[in-house]
Amino acid sequence: MNLEDQLKNLFPDHVPSNEPEEIDDTPHQLYVQKEPMICKYEKRKGKATTIIEGYEGEDEDFKILAKELKTKLSVGGSFKDGALILQGDYRDKIMQLLKEKGFKVKRVGG
């Protein structure tokens, strides 16, 4: 019994359509601002953190950017009050990744 037969048994009233689904393949464009984003280093509860602030676009765009940075750096982090807080000191790598995307970044502290 193949998958199609199993699905027919589970959903007998379903009529499959042969029309292809429309999929939006265009990548999401992030808002690139004129003012630089601030990348700073802090110690919170004795642990190193990197904080990125100053994004002027939509919060959803910043969340997409945050997820991409966390994935590329393989670190944990959170998004709070318009700031991205990453675990560890990754200022140099973050600044390089943001510059490649066309953002201006300003290093603050240390």
N, C-alpha and C. Protein backbone atom coordinates (compact mmCIF):
# COMPACT_ATOMS: atom_id res chain seq x y z
N MET A 1 0.85 -1.17 0.00
CA MET A 1 0.00 0.00 0.00
C MET A 1 0.90 1.24 0.00
N ASN A 2 0.73 2.07 -1.01
CA ASN A 2 1.58 3.26 -1.09
C ASN A 2 0.94 4.43 -0.33
N LEU A 3 1.63 5.53 -0.31
CA LEU A 3 1.20 6.70 0.45
C LEU A 3 -0.13 7.25 -0.06
N GLU A 4 -0.31 7.24 -1.35
CA GLU A 4 -1.55 7.77 -1.94
C GLU A 4 -2.76 6.96 -1.48
N ASP A 5 -2.62 5.64 -1.42
CA ASP A 5 -3.72 4.79 -0.96
C ASP A 5 -4.00 5.02 0.52
N GLN A 6 -2.96 5.20 1.29
CA GLN A 6 -3.14 5.46 2.72
C GLN A 6 -3.88 6.78 2.95
N LEU A 7 -3.52 7.79 2.17
CA LEU A 7 -4.20 9.08 2.30
C LEU A 7 -5.66 8.98 1.88
N LYS A 8 -5.96 8.19 0.85
CA LYS A 8 -7.36 8.01 0.43
C LYS A 8 -8.16 7.32 1.52
N ASN A 9 -7.54 6.38 2.24
CA ASN A 9 -8.23 5.71 3.35
C ASN A 9 -8.48 6.67 4.50
N LEU A 10 -7.53 7.54 4.77
CA LEU A 10 -7.69 8.50 5.87
C LEU A 10 -8.67 9.62 5.54
N PHE A 11 -8.63 10.09 4.30
CA PHE A 11 -9.47 11.21 3.87
C PHE A 11 -10.26 10.83 2.62
N PRO A 12 -11.35 10.07 2.78
CA PRO A 12 -12.08 9.58 1.61
C PRO A 12 -12.79 10.68 0.83
N ASP A 13 -13.15 11.79 1.48
CA ASP A 13 -13.89 12.86 0.79
C ASP A 13 -12.98 13.84 0.07
N HIS A 14 -11.69 13.75 0.26
CA HIS A 14 -10.76 14.72 -0.34
C HIS A 14 -10.62 14.48 -1.83
N VAL A 15 -10.72 15.57 -2.60
CA VAL A 15 -10.53 15.51 -4.04
C VAL A 15 -9.21 16.23 -4.36
N PRO A 16 -8.20 15.51 -4.82
CA PRO A 16 -6.91 16.16 -5.11
C PRO A 16 -7.01 17.05 -6.33
N SER A 17 -6.35 18.18 -6.27
CA SER A 17 -6.32 19.08 -7.42
C SER A 17 -4.96 18.97 -8.09
N ASN A 18 -4.95 19.14 -9.38
CA ASN A 18 -3.71 19.03 -10.14
C ASN A 18 -3.07 20.38 -10.41
N GLU A 19 -3.64 21.44 -9.85
CA GLU A 19 -3.08 22.78 -10.05
C GLU A 19 -1.87 22.97 -9.14
N PRO A 20 -0.79 23.50 -9.69
CA PRO A 20 0.39 23.74 -8.84
C PRO A 20 0.14 24.90 -7.88
N GLU A 21 0.69 24.78 -6.69
CA GLU A 21 0.55 25.84 -5.72
C GLU A 21 1.52 26.97 -6.04
N GLU A 22 1.07 28.20 -5.80
CA GLU A 22 1.94 29.35 -6.03
C GLU A 22 2.84 29.54 -4.82
N ILE A 23 4.13 29.55 -5.07
CA ILE A 23 5.09 29.73 -4.00
C ILE A 23 5.90 30.99 -4.30
N ASP A 24 5.97 31.87 -3.32
CA ASP A 24 6.70 33.11 -3.48
C ASP A 24 8.18 32.84 -3.21
N ASP A 25 9.01 32.82 -4.27
CA ASP A 25 10.43 32.50 -4.13
C ASP A 25 11.30 33.73 -3.93
N THR A 26 10.72 34.93 -3.95
CA THR A 26 11.54 36.12 -3.79
C THR A 26 11.99 36.25 -2.34
N PRO A 27 13.28 36.45 -2.11
CA PRO A 27 13.77 36.58 -0.74
C PRO A 27 13.29 37.89 -0.12
N HIS A 28 13.12 37.86 1.18
CA HIS A 28 12.64 39.04 1.90
C HIS A 28 13.76 40.09 1.93
N GLN A 29 13.45 41.31 1.51
CA GLN A 29 14.43 42.38 1.51
C GLN A 29 14.41 43.11 2.84
N LEU A 30 15.55 43.20 3.49
CA LEU A 30 15.65 43.91 4.75
C LEU A 30 15.83 45.40 4.49
N TYR A 31 15.29 46.20 5.38
CA TYR A 31 15.44 47.65 5.29
C TYR A 31 16.85 48.02 5.71
N VAL A 32 17.61 48.64 4.80
CA VAL A 32 18.97 49.06 5.11
C VAL A 32 18.93 50.55 5.42
N GLN A 33 19.31 50.89 6.60
CA GLN A 33 19.18 52.26 7.08
C GLN A 33 20.44 53.06 6.85
N LYS A 34 20.31 54.39 6.99
CA LYS A 34 21.44 55.27 6.82
C LYS A 34 22.26 55.40 8.10
N GLU A 35 21.59 55.40 9.26
CA GLU A 35 22.27 55.51 10.54
C GLU A 35 22.90 54.16 10.91
N PRO A 36 24.07 54.20 11.54
CA PRO A 36 24.72 52.92 11.89
C PRO A 36 24.03 52.23 13.06
N MET A 37 24.05 50.90 13.02
CA MET A 37 23.58 50.11 14.14
C MET A 37 24.70 50.05 15.17
N ILE A 38 24.35 49.93 16.43
CA ILE A 38 25.33 49.92 17.50
C ILE A 38 25.57 48.48 17.95
N CYS A 39 26.83 48.09 17.95
CA CYS A 39 27.23 46.75 18.38
C CYS A 39 28.11 46.93 19.61
N LYS A 40 27.61 46.52 20.78
CA LYS A 40 28.38 46.73 22.00
C LYS A 40 28.51 45.45 22.81
N TYR A 41 29.50 45.47 23.69
CA TYR A 41 29.85 44.33 24.52
C TYR A 41 29.53 44.66 25.97
N GLU A 42 28.89 43.74 26.65
CA GLU A 42 28.59 43.90 28.07
C GLU A 42 28.78 42.57 28.77
N LYS A 43 28.96 42.65 30.07
CA LYS A 43 28.95 41.45 30.88
C LYS A 43 27.67 41.48 31.69
N ARG A 44 26.89 40.44 31.58
CA ARG A 44 25.65 40.32 32.33
C ARG A 44 25.73 39.05 33.16
N LYS A 45 25.58 39.21 34.45
CA LYS A 45 25.69 38.08 35.40
C LYS A 45 26.99 37.32 35.20
N GLY A 46 28.07 38.06 34.93
CA GLY A 46 29.39 37.47 34.78
C GLY A 46 29.66 36.83 33.44
N LYS A 47 28.72 36.89 32.53
CA LYS A 47 28.89 36.26 31.22
C LYS A 47 28.94 37.32 30.12
N ALA A 48 29.74 37.05 29.10
CA ALA A 48 29.90 37.98 27.99
C ALA A 48 28.66 37.98 27.10
N THR A 49 28.20 39.17 26.73
CA THR A 49 27.08 39.29 25.80
C THR A 49 27.39 40.37 24.78
N THR A 50 26.88 40.18 23.58
CA THR A 50 26.99 41.17 22.52
C THR A 50 25.59 41.70 22.26
N ILE A 51 25.45 43.02 22.24
CA ILE A 51 24.14 43.64 22.08
C ILE A 51 24.15 44.48 20.81
N ILE A 52 23.12 44.28 19.98
CA ILE A 52 22.98 45.04 18.74
C ILE A 52 21.71 45.88 18.88
N GLU A 53 21.86 47.19 18.71
CA GLU A 53 20.73 48.12 18.84
C GLU A 53 20.73 49.09 17.67
N GLY A 54 19.63 49.81 17.54
CA GLY A 54 19.57 50.90 16.58
C GLY A 54 18.99 50.56 15.23
N TYR A 55 18.29 49.45 15.10
CA TYR A 55 17.66 49.12 13.81
C TYR A 55 16.39 49.93 13.67
N GLU A 56 16.23 50.63 12.56
CA GLU A 56 15.11 51.54 12.37
C GLU A 56 13.94 50.93 11.61
N GLY A 57 14.11 49.74 11.07
CA GLY A 57 13.05 49.11 10.28
C GLY A 57 12.01 48.43 11.17
N GLU A 58 11.24 47.55 10.56
CA GLU A 58 10.20 46.82 11.28
C GLU A 58 10.82 45.81 12.23
N ASP A 59 10.10 45.53 13.33
CA ASP A 59 10.58 44.53 14.29
C ASP A 59 10.68 43.15 13.65
N GLU A 60 9.76 42.83 12.75
CA GLU A 60 9.79 41.52 12.08
C GLU A 60 11.07 41.37 11.24
N ASP A 61 11.49 42.46 10.58
CA ASP A 61 12.73 42.41 9.80
C ASP A 61 13.93 42.18 10.71
N PHE A 62 13.91 42.85 11.86
CA PHE A 62 15.02 42.71 12.80
C PHE A 62 15.04 41.29 13.38
N LYS A 63 13.88 40.70 13.58
CA LYS A 63 13.81 39.32 14.07
C LYS A 63 14.37 38.35 13.03
N ILE A 64 14.09 38.61 11.76
CA ILE A 64 14.63 37.77 10.69
C ILE A 64 16.15 37.89 10.66
N LEU A 65 16.65 39.11 10.79
CA LEU A 65 18.08 39.34 10.82
C LEU A 65 18.71 38.68 12.04
N ALA A 66 18.03 38.76 13.18
CA ALA A 66 18.53 38.15 14.42
C ALA A 66 18.63 36.64 14.27
N LYS A 67 17.63 36.03 13.69
CA LYS A 67 17.64 34.59 13.52
C LYS A 67 18.77 34.16 12.59
N GLU A 68 18.98 34.95 11.54
CA GLU A 68 20.06 34.63 10.60
C GLU A 68 21.43 34.75 11.28
N LEU A 69 21.62 35.80 12.08
CA LEU A 69 22.89 35.96 12.78
C LEU A 69 23.12 34.83 13.78
N LYS A 70 22.08 34.47 14.53
CA LYS A 70 22.23 33.40 15.51
C LYS A 70 22.54 32.08 14.84
N THR A 71 21.96 31.84 13.68
CA THR A 71 22.22 30.60 12.95
C THR A 71 23.64 30.57 12.41
N LYS A 72 24.09 31.68 11.80
CA LYS A 72 25.44 31.71 11.22
C LYS A 72 26.52 31.61 12.28
N LEU A 73 26.28 32.19 13.45
CA LEU A 73 27.27 32.17 14.52
C LEU A 73 27.12 30.97 15.44
N SER A 74 26.02 30.26 15.31
CA SER A 74 25.72 29.09 16.15
C SER A 74 25.74 29.45 17.64
N VAL A 75 25.03 30.51 17.97
CA VAL A 75 24.94 30.96 19.36
C VAL A 75 23.48 31.16 19.73
N GLY A 76 23.24 31.24 21.02
CA GLY A 76 21.91 31.55 21.52
C GLY A 76 21.77 33.04 21.70
N GLY A 77 20.55 33.47 21.83
CA GLY A 77 20.31 34.88 22.03
C GLY A 77 18.83 35.16 22.14
N SER A 78 18.50 36.41 22.38
CA SER A 78 17.10 36.79 22.49
C SER A 78 16.89 38.17 21.88
N PHE A 79 15.63 38.48 21.62
CA PHE A 79 15.25 39.76 21.06
C PHE A 79 14.34 40.44 22.08
N LYS A 80 14.81 41.54 22.68
CA LYS A 80 14.03 42.25 23.69
C LYS A 80 14.12 43.75 23.45
N ASP A 81 13.01 44.42 23.53
CA ASP A 81 12.94 45.88 23.49
C ASP A 81 13.74 46.49 22.35
N GLY A 82 13.65 45.93 21.18
CA GLY A 82 14.34 46.47 20.01
C GLY A 82 15.83 46.23 19.99
N ALA A 83 16.31 45.31 20.82
CA ALA A 83 17.74 44.99 20.86
C ALA A 83 17.92 43.48 20.74
N LEU A 84 18.97 43.09 20.07
CA LEU A 84 19.33 41.68 19.94
C LEU A 84 20.46 41.40 20.91
N ILE A 85 20.25 40.44 21.80
CA ILE A 85 21.25 40.08 22.81
C ILE A 85 21.76 38.68 22.48
N LEU A 86 23.05 38.59 22.14
CA LEU A 86 23.68 37.32 21.79
C LEU A 86 24.63 36.89 22.89
N GLN A 87 24.71 35.60 23.11
CA GLN A 87 25.59 35.05 24.13
C GLN A 87 27.01 34.99 23.58
N GLY A 88 27.94 35.63 24.27
CA GLY A 88 29.34 35.60 23.86
C GLY A 88 29.77 36.90 23.21
N ASP A 89 31.08 37.05 23.03
CA ASP A 89 31.66 38.25 22.41
C ASP A 89 31.93 37.96 20.94
N TYR A 90 31.01 38.38 20.07
CA TYR A 90 31.11 38.13 18.63
C TYR A 90 31.06 39.43 17.84
N ARG A 91 31.55 40.53 18.42
CA ARG A 91 31.42 41.83 17.77
C ARG A 91 32.05 41.86 16.39
N ASP A 92 33.26 41.33 16.25
CA ASP A 92 33.96 41.39 14.97
C ASP A 92 33.23 40.60 13.89
N LYS A 93 32.79 39.40 14.22
CA LYS A 93 32.08 38.57 13.24
C LYS A 93 30.74 39.18 12.87
N ILE A 94 30.02 39.72 13.87
CA ILE A 94 28.72 40.33 13.62
C ILE A 94 28.87 41.55 12.73
N MET A 95 29.87 42.38 13.03
CA MET A 95 30.08 43.58 12.23
C MET A 95 30.42 43.21 10.79
N GLN A 96 31.20 42.18 10.60
CA GLN A 96 31.55 41.74 9.25
C GLN A 96 30.30 41.24 8.50
N LEU A 97 29.47 40.42 9.17
CA LEU A 97 28.26 39.90 8.53
C LEU A 97 27.29 41.02 8.18
N LEU A 98 27.13 42.00 9.07
CA LEU A 98 26.22 43.11 8.81
C LEU A 98 26.73 44.00 7.69
N LYS A 99 28.04 44.21 7.63
CA LYS A 99 28.61 45.02 6.55
C LYS A 99 28.42 44.35 5.20
N GLU A 100 28.51 43.01 5.16
CA GLU A 100 28.28 42.28 3.92
C GLU A 100 26.85 42.46 3.44
N LYS A 101 25.92 42.64 4.39
CA LYS A 101 24.51 42.84 4.03
C LYS A 101 24.21 44.28 3.67
N GLY A 102 25.18 45.19 3.87
CA GLY A 102 24.98 46.58 3.49
C GLY A 102 24.66 47.51 4.65
N PHE A 103 24.72 47.01 5.86
CA PHE A 103 24.44 47.84 7.04
C PHE A 103 25.71 48.57 7.47
N LYS A 104 25.50 49.74 8.10
CA LYS A 104 26.60 50.44 8.73
C LYS A 104 26.56 50.05 10.21
N VAL A 105 27.74 49.76 10.76
CA VAL A 105 27.80 49.28 12.14
C VAL A 105 28.84 50.11 12.88
N LYS A 106 28.50 50.50 14.10
CA LYS A 106 29.40 51.26 14.95
C LYS A 106 29.73 50.42 16.18
N ARG A 107 31.02 50.26 16.45
CA ARG A 107 31.47 49.47 17.60
C ARG A 107 31.53 50.37 18.82
N VAL A 108 30.91 49.94 19.91
CA VAL A 108 30.87 50.72 21.14
C VAL A 108 31.41 49.87 22.28
N GLY A 109 32.30 50.44 23.08
CA GLY A 109 32.81 49.75 24.25
C GLY A 109 33.88 48.75 23.94
N GLY A 110 34.92 48.77 24.73
CA GLY A 110 36.01 47.78 24.66
C GLY A 110 36.67 47.67 23.36
